[in-house]
Amino acid sequence: MNIKRMAKRTGVAAAAVPMLLAATAGSAHADGTVTWSMNYYVGYLSDISGGHDITTYADTSKIPMAHVWYDIQNSDGSWNEVNANTGWCLTSYDTSVYTEPCNSAKDGTNWYQRWYEIKTNAGWKLQSRMSGYTLDGGADPTTNNVYANPTDYGNSFAGTEPVRAGAIVS
C-alpha cells in the first residue's frame, strides 16, 4: 500500500472518531442527576434504604447519595427518577410513594414509575404519570413523610430547579 493511500485512510479514520464523540456527547445532556428540595421546609427527597423509606431526610452527611436522583427521560416525555443510593425507581401507587427495583433504562419502566417534571413559578414539581397526583411531603424529616397528593397546592418539591449535566441555571 502506498503512503498517500495509507495517510488518506488514517486521516479519514482519525476524523471520524471526534465526529462520533461529538454526536454521542450531545445526547447525554438530556439526562443527568437532580436533587429535589422541599419548597417550604428544609429537606431533600431521599431514599435511605429502598422500599418505603422515602423521606425528606435533611442530614445528607450521613448518607450522602440518598438525596441524589438520576433523571432518565422516556420517549413519552416522562422521567424515571432513580435514586443514586439504592438504584431503585421512585414509584407511586395512588397516594403511596416508595422506591422499588426497576429497569431504569429509557422506556424500561412501567407507568407507576414514571413522573412528569412540570415547570412552575416556584421551580419544578413531580407529577405521577399513572395517577396525575403531585409529589408532596411534610415537615418532619424523621418520618416517611412523602406521598402523592391528589390536590396540587403548589408547595412541595418545587423550591429548586433540577440541575442536569450541561444545564445552565440562572
N, C-alpha and C. Protein backbone atom coordinates (compact mmCIF):
# COMPACT_ATOMS: atom_id res chain seq x y z
N MET A 1 0.86 -1.19 0.00
CA MET A 1 0.00 0.00 0.00
C MET A 1 0.89 1.24 0.00
N ASN A 2 0.58 2.24 -0.82
CA ASN A 2 1.44 3.41 -0.86
C ASN A 2 1.12 4.36 0.30
N ILE A 3 2.03 5.27 0.56
CA ILE A 3 1.94 6.16 1.72
C ILE A 3 0.75 7.11 1.60
N LYS A 4 0.49 7.63 0.40
CA LYS A 4 -0.64 8.55 0.20
C LYS A 4 -1.96 7.87 0.56
N ARG A 5 -2.13 6.67 0.08
CA ARG A 5 -3.36 5.94 0.35
C ARG A 5 -3.50 5.66 1.85
N MET A 6 -2.40 5.27 2.52
CA MET A 6 -2.43 4.99 3.96
C MET A 6 -2.75 6.26 4.75
N ALA A 7 -2.13 7.37 4.39
CA ALA A 7 -2.39 8.63 5.09
C ALA A 7 -3.84 9.06 4.91
N LYS A 8 -4.33 8.87 3.70
CA LYS A 8 -5.72 9.24 3.42
C LYS A 8 -6.68 8.41 4.28
N ARG A 9 -6.46 7.11 4.36
CA ARG A 9 -7.32 6.24 5.17
C ARG A 9 -7.20 6.56 6.65
N THR A 10 -5.97 6.78 7.12
CA THR A 10 -5.75 7.11 8.53
C THR A 10 -6.40 8.44 8.87
N GLY A 11 -6.28 9.42 7.99
CA GLY A 11 -6.89 10.72 8.22
C GLY A 11 -8.40 10.64 8.30
N VAL A 12 -8.99 9.85 7.45
CA VAL A 12 -10.43 9.67 7.46
C VAL A 12 -10.86 8.99 8.75
N ALA A 13 -10.13 7.97 9.17
CA ALA A 13 -10.46 7.27 10.42
C ALA A 13 -10.29 8.20 11.61
N ALA A 14 -9.20 8.99 11.62
CA ALA A 14 -8.95 9.90 12.74
C ALA A 14 -10.02 10.99 12.79
N ALA A 15 -10.49 11.45 11.64
CA ALA A 15 -11.54 12.47 11.61
C ALA A 15 -12.87 11.91 12.05
N ALA A 16 -13.11 10.64 11.83
CA ALA A 16 -14.39 10.03 12.20
C ALA A 16 -14.56 9.89 13.70
N VAL A 17 -13.47 9.69 14.43
CA VAL A 17 -13.56 9.49 15.88
C VAL A 17 -14.11 10.73 16.58
N PRO A 18 -13.55 11.95 16.36
CA PRO A 18 -14.14 13.13 17.02
C PRO A 18 -15.60 13.37 16.64
N MET A 19 -15.96 13.07 15.39
CA MET A 19 -17.35 13.25 14.96
C MET A 19 -18.26 12.31 15.74
N LEU A 20 -17.83 11.08 15.95
CA LEU A 20 -18.62 10.12 16.71
C LEU A 20 -18.75 10.57 18.15
N LEU A 21 -17.65 11.05 18.75
CA LEU A 21 -17.71 11.52 20.14
C LEU A 21 -18.62 12.73 20.26
N ALA A 22 -18.54 13.64 19.31
CA ALA A 22 -19.40 14.82 19.36
C ALA A 22 -20.86 14.43 19.23
N ALA A 23 -21.16 13.46 18.41
CA ALA A 23 -22.54 13.04 18.22
C ALA A 23 -23.10 12.36 19.46
N THR A 24 -22.29 11.58 20.15
CA THR A 24 -22.79 10.87 21.33
C THR A 24 -22.77 11.76 22.56
N ALA A 25 -21.88 12.75 22.61
CA ALA A 25 -21.80 13.61 23.79
C ALA A 25 -23.06 14.45 23.96
N GLY A 26 -23.67 14.90 22.88
CA GLY A 26 -24.85 15.74 22.96
C GLY A 26 -26.04 15.05 23.57
N SER A 27 -26.19 13.77 23.34
CA SER A 27 -27.36 13.06 23.84
C SER A 27 -27.34 12.88 25.35
N ALA A 28 -26.17 12.95 25.97
CA ALA A 28 -26.08 12.76 27.41
C ALA A 28 -26.59 13.97 28.18
N HIS A 29 -26.74 15.11 27.53
CA HIS A 29 -27.16 16.32 28.25
C HIS A 29 -28.62 16.31 28.65
N ALA A 30 -29.43 15.49 28.04
CA ALA A 30 -30.85 15.43 28.40
C ALA A 30 -31.05 14.75 29.75
N ASP A 31 -30.24 13.78 30.06
CA ASP A 31 -30.34 13.06 31.32
C ASP A 31 -29.25 13.56 32.25
N GLY A 32 -29.34 13.23 33.52
CA GLY A 32 -28.32 13.63 34.47
C GLY A 32 -28.80 13.42 35.88
N THR A 33 -28.13 14.08 36.83
CA THR A 33 -28.54 13.95 38.23
C THR A 33 -29.35 15.17 38.65
N VAL A 34 -30.17 14.97 39.64
CA VAL A 34 -31.03 16.03 40.15
C VAL A 34 -31.18 15.85 41.66
N THR A 35 -31.34 16.95 42.36
CA THR A 35 -31.66 16.94 43.79
C THR A 35 -32.97 17.68 43.95
N TRP A 36 -33.96 17.02 44.54
CA TRP A 36 -35.27 17.64 44.74
C TRP A 36 -35.35 18.14 46.18
N SER A 37 -35.45 19.45 46.35
CA SER A 37 -35.57 20.01 47.70
C SER A 37 -37.00 20.45 47.95
N MET A 38 -37.35 20.47 49.23
CA MET A 38 -38.68 20.92 49.62
C MET A 38 -38.78 22.42 49.37
N ASN A 39 -39.97 22.88 49.10
CA ASN A 39 -40.19 24.29 48.83
C ASN A 39 -40.32 25.10 50.12
N TYR A 40 -41.01 24.56 51.13
CA TYR A 40 -41.25 25.32 52.35
C TYR A 40 -40.52 24.79 53.57
N TYR A 41 -39.92 23.62 53.48
CA TYR A 41 -39.24 23.02 54.63
C TYR A 41 -37.82 22.66 54.23
N VAL A 42 -36.94 22.57 55.22
CA VAL A 42 -35.58 22.11 54.95
C VAL A 42 -35.63 20.61 54.75
N GLY A 43 -35.14 20.13 53.66
CA GLY A 43 -35.12 18.70 53.41
C GLY A 43 -35.06 18.39 51.93
N TYR A 44 -34.61 17.19 51.64
CA TYR A 44 -34.46 16.72 50.27
C TYR A 44 -35.20 15.40 50.10
N LEU A 45 -35.76 15.18 48.93
CA LEU A 45 -36.36 13.90 48.62
C LEU A 45 -35.25 12.86 48.67
N SER A 46 -35.39 11.88 49.57
CA SER A 46 -34.31 10.93 49.83
C SER A 46 -34.82 9.51 49.94
N ASP A 47 -33.98 8.58 49.52
CA ASP A 47 -34.25 7.15 49.68
C ASP A 47 -33.12 6.58 50.52
N ILE A 48 -33.42 6.27 51.77
CA ILE A 48 -32.39 5.84 52.71
C ILE A 48 -31.98 4.39 52.48
N SER A 49 -32.95 3.49 52.30
CA SER A 49 -32.58 2.07 52.19
C SER A 49 -33.42 1.30 51.18
N GLY A 50 -34.19 1.95 50.38
CA GLY A 50 -35.02 1.26 49.40
C GLY A 50 -36.37 0.89 49.98
N GLY A 51 -37.35 0.80 49.14
CA GLY A 51 -38.69 0.43 49.59
C GLY A 51 -39.48 1.61 50.09
N HIS A 52 -39.94 1.52 51.32
CA HIS A 52 -40.85 2.54 51.86
C HIS A 52 -40.15 3.57 52.72
N ASP A 53 -38.84 3.72 52.59
CA ASP A 53 -38.10 4.71 53.37
C ASP A 53 -37.89 6.01 52.61
N ILE A 54 -38.90 6.46 51.91
CA ILE A 54 -38.81 7.74 51.20
C ILE A 54 -39.14 8.83 52.20
N THR A 55 -38.27 9.82 52.28
CA THR A 55 -38.42 10.85 53.29
C THR A 55 -37.85 12.16 52.76
N THR A 56 -37.96 13.20 53.55
CA THR A 56 -37.29 14.46 53.25
C THR A 56 -36.09 14.57 54.19
N TYR A 57 -35.30 13.53 54.20
CA TYR A 57 -34.13 13.38 55.06
C TYR A 57 -33.22 14.58 54.92
N ALA A 58 -33.03 15.34 55.98
CA ALA A 58 -32.30 16.60 55.89
C ALA A 58 -30.79 16.44 56.06
N ASP A 59 -30.33 15.41 56.80
CA ASP A 59 -28.90 15.25 57.08
C ASP A 59 -28.23 14.45 55.97
N THR A 60 -27.76 15.15 54.95
CA THR A 60 -27.16 14.47 53.81
C THR A 60 -25.73 14.01 54.09
N SER A 61 -25.16 14.39 55.23
CA SER A 61 -23.79 13.96 55.54
C SER A 61 -23.73 12.50 55.96
N LYS A 62 -24.82 11.96 56.50
CA LYS A 62 -24.82 10.56 56.96
C LYS A 62 -24.95 9.58 55.80
N ILE A 63 -25.80 9.88 54.85
CA ILE A 63 -25.97 9.05 53.65
C ILE A 63 -25.92 10.01 52.46
N PRO A 64 -24.70 10.35 52.00
CA PRO A 64 -24.56 11.43 51.04
C PRO A 64 -25.27 11.26 49.70
N MET A 65 -25.49 10.05 49.25
CA MET A 65 -26.13 9.86 47.94
C MET A 65 -27.63 9.61 48.05
N ALA A 66 -28.19 9.58 49.25
CA ALA A 66 -29.62 9.28 49.43
C ALA A 66 -30.51 10.32 48.77
N HIS A 67 -30.03 11.56 48.66
CA HIS A 67 -30.86 12.63 48.10
C HIS A 67 -30.54 12.94 46.63
N VAL A 68 -29.68 12.15 46.01
CA VAL A 68 -29.33 12.37 44.61
C VAL A 68 -30.12 11.38 43.75
N TRP A 69 -30.70 11.89 42.69
CA TRP A 69 -31.53 11.08 41.79
C TRP A 69 -30.99 11.20 40.38
N TYR A 70 -31.00 10.09 39.66
CA TYR A 70 -30.67 10.10 38.24
C TYR A 70 -31.96 10.33 37.48
N ASP A 71 -31.93 11.28 36.58
CA ASP A 71 -33.06 11.64 35.74
C ASP A 71 -32.88 10.98 34.38
N ILE A 72 -33.80 10.14 33.97
CA ILE A 72 -33.71 9.48 32.67
C ILE A 72 -35.02 9.75 31.93
N GLN A 73 -34.94 10.44 30.81
CA GLN A 73 -36.16 10.80 30.09
C GLN A 73 -36.63 9.67 29.18
N ASN A 74 -37.94 9.44 29.21
CA ASN A 74 -38.59 8.43 28.37
C ASN A 74 -39.12 9.09 27.10
N SER A 75 -39.45 8.29 26.11
CA SER A 75 -39.92 8.82 24.83
C SER A 75 -41.30 9.48 24.93
N ASP A 76 -42.06 9.20 26.01
CA ASP A 76 -43.38 9.83 26.18
C ASP A 76 -43.30 11.17 26.91
N GLY A 77 -42.07 11.65 27.21
CA GLY A 77 -41.90 12.93 27.90
C GLY A 77 -41.81 12.81 29.40
N SER A 78 -42.08 11.64 29.95
CA SER A 78 -41.97 11.43 31.39
C SER A 78 -40.51 11.12 31.75
N TRP A 79 -40.24 11.07 33.05
CA TRP A 79 -38.89 10.83 33.55
C TRP A 79 -38.89 9.67 34.53
N ASN A 80 -37.80 8.92 34.54
CA ASN A 80 -37.53 7.94 35.59
C ASN A 80 -36.67 8.64 36.62
N GLU A 81 -37.06 8.57 37.87
CA GLU A 81 -36.27 9.13 38.97
C GLU A 81 -35.63 7.94 39.68
N VAL A 82 -34.33 7.75 39.50
CA VAL A 82 -33.61 6.60 40.04
C VAL A 82 -32.67 7.08 41.13
N ASN A 83 -32.82 6.55 42.34
CA ASN A 83 -32.02 7.00 43.46
C ASN A 83 -30.57 6.53 43.34
N ALA A 84 -29.63 7.44 43.57
CA ALA A 84 -28.21 7.12 43.46
C ALA A 84 -27.74 6.22 44.60
N ASN A 85 -28.42 6.26 45.74
CA ASN A 85 -28.05 5.43 46.89
C ASN A 85 -28.48 3.98 46.71
N THR A 86 -29.70 3.76 46.24
CA THR A 86 -30.26 2.41 46.15
C THR A 86 -30.33 1.85 44.73
N GLY A 87 -30.37 2.74 43.73
CA GLY A 87 -30.55 2.29 42.35
C GLY A 87 -32.00 1.92 42.04
N TRP A 88 -32.92 2.24 42.94
CA TRP A 88 -34.34 1.90 42.75
C TRP A 88 -35.09 3.11 42.22
N CYS A 89 -36.22 2.84 41.56
CA CYS A 89 -37.03 3.89 40.94
C CYS A 89 -38.09 4.44 41.90
N LEU A 90 -38.27 5.76 41.85
CA LEU A 90 -39.36 6.40 42.58
C LEU A 90 -40.67 5.94 41.95
N THR A 91 -41.58 5.45 42.79
CA THR A 91 -42.82 4.83 42.31
C THR A 91 -43.99 5.39 43.09
N SER A 92 -45.14 5.49 42.44
CA SER A 92 -46.34 5.96 43.11
C SER A 92 -47.50 5.04 42.77
N TYR A 93 -48.21 4.62 43.80
CA TYR A 93 -49.45 3.87 43.62
C TYR A 93 -50.51 4.58 44.44
N ASP A 94 -51.47 5.21 43.78
CA ASP A 94 -52.47 6.04 44.43
C ASP A 94 -51.72 7.14 45.19
N THR A 95 -51.87 7.24 46.51
CA THR A 95 -51.16 8.28 47.26
C THR A 95 -49.84 7.79 47.86
N SER A 96 -49.57 6.50 47.79
CA SER A 96 -48.32 5.95 48.34
C SER A 96 -47.15 6.23 47.41
N VAL A 97 -46.03 6.62 48.00
CA VAL A 97 -44.80 6.85 47.24
C VAL A 97 -43.70 6.02 47.88
N TYR A 98 -42.96 5.30 47.07
CA TYR A 98 -41.89 4.43 47.55
C TYR A 98 -40.93 4.19 46.40
N THR A 99 -39.87 3.43 46.66
CA THR A 99 -38.99 3.01 45.57
C THR A 99 -39.06 1.50 45.44
N GLU A 100 -38.75 1.04 44.24
CA GLU A 100 -38.73 -0.40 44.00
C GLU A 100 -37.72 -0.70 42.91
N PRO A 101 -37.23 -1.95 42.87
CA PRO A 101 -36.30 -2.31 41.80
C PRO A 101 -36.98 -2.10 40.44
N CYS A 102 -36.20 -1.71 39.45
CA CYS A 102 -36.78 -1.42 38.15
C CYS A 102 -35.74 -1.54 37.05
N ASN A 103 -36.21 -1.54 35.83
CA ASN A 103 -35.35 -1.39 34.67
C ASN A 103 -35.36 0.10 34.37
N SER A 104 -34.35 0.82 34.84
CA SER A 104 -34.38 2.27 34.78
C SER A 104 -33.97 2.84 33.42
N ALA A 105 -33.67 2.00 32.47
CA ALA A 105 -33.30 2.49 31.14
C ALA A 105 -34.47 3.24 30.50
N LYS A 106 -34.15 4.07 29.53
CA LYS A 106 -35.19 4.80 28.80
C LYS A 106 -36.27 3.82 28.34
N ASP A 107 -37.51 4.14 28.67
CA ASP A 107 -38.70 3.34 28.32
C ASP A 107 -38.72 1.96 28.97
N GLY A 108 -37.88 1.74 29.99
CA GLY A 108 -37.84 0.45 30.66
C GLY A 108 -38.76 0.34 31.87
N THR A 109 -39.35 1.44 32.30
CA THR A 109 -40.18 1.44 33.50
C THR A 109 -41.66 1.34 33.14
N ASN A 110 -42.46 0.99 34.16
CA ASN A 110 -43.92 1.00 33.96
C ASN A 110 -44.46 2.38 34.32
N TRP A 111 -45.74 2.61 34.08
CA TRP A 111 -46.31 3.94 34.30
C TRP A 111 -46.33 4.36 35.76
N TYR A 112 -46.32 3.44 36.70
CA TYR A 112 -46.26 3.79 38.12
C TYR A 112 -44.90 4.37 38.48
N GLN A 113 -43.87 4.08 37.69
CA GLN A 113 -42.51 4.51 37.96
C GLN A 113 -42.10 5.73 37.13
N ARG A 114 -43.05 6.34 36.46
CA ARG A 114 -42.73 7.48 35.60
C ARG A 114 -43.33 8.77 36.17
N TRP A 115 -42.62 9.86 35.97
CA TRP A 115 -43.00 11.16 36.52
C TRP A 115 -42.86 12.23 35.45
N TYR A 116 -43.78 13.18 35.47
CA TYR A 116 -43.65 14.37 34.64
C TYR A 116 -43.01 15.45 35.50
N GLU A 117 -42.04 16.16 34.92
CA GLU A 117 -41.43 17.30 35.59
C GLU A 117 -42.07 18.54 34.99
N ILE A 118 -42.82 19.24 35.81
CA ILE A 118 -43.62 20.37 35.34
C ILE A 118 -43.08 21.66 35.93
N LYS A 119 -42.74 22.59 35.06
CA LYS A 119 -42.21 23.89 35.48
C LYS A 119 -43.32 24.71 36.13
N THR A 120 -43.02 25.29 37.28
CA THR A 120 -43.97 26.17 37.98
C THR A 120 -43.28 27.50 38.25
N ASN A 121 -44.02 28.45 38.82
CA ASN A 121 -43.43 29.73 39.19
C ASN A 121 -42.38 29.57 40.28
N ALA A 122 -42.51 28.54 41.12
CA ALA A 122 -41.58 28.32 42.23
C ALA A 122 -40.43 27.40 41.86
N GLY A 123 -40.45 26.78 40.71
CA GLY A 123 -39.40 25.84 40.32
C GLY A 123 -39.98 24.71 39.50
N TRP A 124 -39.99 23.51 40.06
CA TRP A 124 -40.49 22.32 39.37
C TRP A 124 -41.34 21.50 40.30
N LYS A 125 -42.24 20.70 39.74
CA LYS A 125 -42.98 19.73 40.54
C LYS A 125 -42.95 18.40 39.81
N LEU A 126 -43.08 17.33 40.57
CA LEU A 126 -43.15 15.98 40.00
C LEU A 126 -44.60 15.52 40.05
N GLN A 127 -45.09 15.04 38.92
CA GLN A 127 -46.46 14.54 38.83
C GLN A 127 -46.42 13.10 38.34
N SER A 128 -47.09 12.21 39.07
CA SER A 128 -47.13 10.80 38.70
C SER A 128 -47.79 10.64 37.34
N ARG A 129 -47.15 9.90 36.46
CA ARG A 129 -47.73 9.66 35.14
C ARG A 129 -48.99 8.81 35.27
N MET A 130 -49.02 7.88 36.21
CA MET A 130 -50.14 6.96 36.34
C MET A 130 -51.38 7.64 36.94
N SER A 131 -51.18 8.33 38.08
CA SER A 131 -52.33 8.88 38.80
C SER A 131 -52.59 10.36 38.51
N GLY A 132 -51.57 11.08 38.08
CA GLY A 132 -51.70 12.52 37.91
C GLY A 132 -51.51 13.27 39.22
N TYR A 133 -51.26 12.54 40.32
CA TYR A 133 -51.06 13.17 41.63
C TYR A 133 -49.67 13.79 41.70
N THR A 134 -49.56 14.84 42.52
CA THR A 134 -48.31 15.58 42.68
C THR A 134 -47.55 15.08 43.89
N LEU A 135 -46.23 14.94 43.73
CA LEU A 135 -45.38 14.52 44.85
C LEU A 135 -45.42 15.59 45.92
N ASP A 136 -45.62 15.18 47.16
CA ASP A 136 -45.76 16.10 48.28
C ASP A 136 -45.06 15.51 49.48
N GLY A 137 -44.84 16.33 50.49
CA GLY A 137 -44.19 15.85 51.70
C GLY A 137 -44.41 16.79 52.85
N GLY A 138 -44.22 16.27 54.06
CA GLY A 138 -44.42 17.06 55.26
C GLY A 138 -43.13 17.61 55.82
N ALA A 139 -43.24 18.25 56.99
CA ALA A 139 -42.12 18.95 57.58
C ALA A 139 -41.24 18.08 58.46
N ASP A 140 -41.67 16.89 58.84
CA ASP A 140 -40.90 16.07 59.77
C ASP A 140 -39.96 15.15 59.01
N PRO A 141 -38.65 15.47 58.95
CA PRO A 141 -37.71 14.66 58.18
C PRO A 141 -37.38 13.32 58.83
N THR A 142 -37.89 13.06 60.03
CA THR A 142 -37.60 11.79 60.70
C THR A 142 -38.61 10.71 60.34
N THR A 143 -39.62 11.06 59.58
CA THR A 143 -40.65 10.08 59.21
C THR A 143 -40.64 9.84 57.71
N ASN A 144 -41.32 8.80 57.30
CA ASN A 144 -41.51 8.54 55.87
C ASN A 144 -42.68 9.41 55.42
N ASN A 145 -42.39 10.67 55.16
CA ASN A 145 -43.43 11.68 55.02
C ASN A 145 -43.67 12.12 53.59
N VAL A 146 -43.33 11.31 52.62
CA VAL A 146 -43.54 11.67 51.23
C VAL A 146 -44.74 10.90 50.70
N TYR A 147 -45.59 11.58 49.95
CA TYR A 147 -46.80 10.96 49.43
C TYR A 147 -47.18 11.65 48.12
N ALA A 148 -48.14 11.10 47.41
CA ALA A 148 -48.67 11.72 46.20
C ALA A 148 -50.01 12.35 46.57
N ASN A 149 -50.14 13.63 46.29
CA ASN A 149 -51.31 14.40 46.70
C ASN A 149 -52.25 14.60 45.52
N PRO A 150 -53.52 14.18 45.65
CA PRO A 150 -54.46 14.42 44.55
C PRO A 150 -54.75 15.90 44.33
N THR A 151 -54.54 16.72 45.37
CA THR A 151 -54.72 18.16 45.26
C THR A 151 -53.35 18.82 45.21
N ASP A 152 -53.08 19.54 44.15
CA ASP A 152 -51.79 20.21 44.00
C ASP A 152 -51.89 21.59 44.63
N TYR A 153 -51.23 21.74 45.79
CA TYR A 153 -51.23 23.04 46.46
C TYR A 153 -50.07 23.92 45.98
N GLY A 154 -49.23 23.37 45.11
CA GLY A 154 -48.13 24.15 44.55
C GLY A 154 -47.04 24.47 45.54
N ASN A 155 -46.86 23.62 46.56
CA ASN A 155 -45.93 24.00 47.61
C ASN A 155 -44.86 22.96 47.95
N SER A 156 -44.70 21.90 47.16
CA SER A 156 -43.71 20.92 47.58
C SER A 156 -42.79 20.51 46.45
N PHE A 157 -41.56 20.24 46.79
CA PHE A 157 -40.52 19.82 45.86
C PHE A 157 -40.45 20.73 44.65
N ALA A 158 -40.69 22.00 44.88
CA ALA A 158 -40.64 22.96 43.78
C ALA A 158 -39.66 24.07 44.07
N GLY A 159 -38.88 23.93 45.12
CA GLY A 159 -38.01 25.01 45.56
C GLY A 159 -36.84 25.29 44.65
N THR A 160 -36.26 24.25 44.05
CA THR A 160 -35.10 24.47 43.20
C THR A 160 -35.26 23.75 41.88
N GLU A 161 -34.69 24.34 40.87
CA GLU A 161 -34.73 23.72 39.55
C GLU A 161 -33.77 22.55 39.54
N PRO A 162 -34.17 21.41 38.98
CA PRO A 162 -33.23 20.30 38.89
C PRO A 162 -32.06 20.67 37.99
N VAL A 163 -30.87 20.32 38.40
CA VAL A 163 -29.68 20.62 37.63
C VAL A 163 -29.24 19.35 36.92
N ARG A 164 -29.22 19.39 35.62
CA ARG A 164 -28.80 18.24 34.82
C ARG A 164 -27.44 18.55 34.21
N ALA A 165 -26.75 17.51 33.83
CA ALA A 165 -25.45 17.68 33.18
C ALA A 165 -25.60 18.60 31.98
N GLY A 166 -24.77 19.62 31.92
CA GLY A 166 -24.81 20.53 30.79
C GLY A 166 -25.85 21.64 30.91
N ALA A 167 -26.63 21.64 31.99
CA ALA A 167 -27.67 22.67 32.15
C ALA A 167 -27.06 23.94 32.72
N ILE A 168 -27.61 25.06 32.35
CA ILE A 168 -27.20 26.34 32.91
C ILE A 168 -28.34 26.84 33.78
N VAL A 169 -28.03 27.07 35.04
CA VAL A 169 -29.06 27.53 35.98
C VAL A 169 -28.80 28.98 36.30
N SER A 170 -29.79 29.82 36.12
CA SER A 170 -29.62 31.25 36.39
C SER A 170 -30.16 31.60 37.76
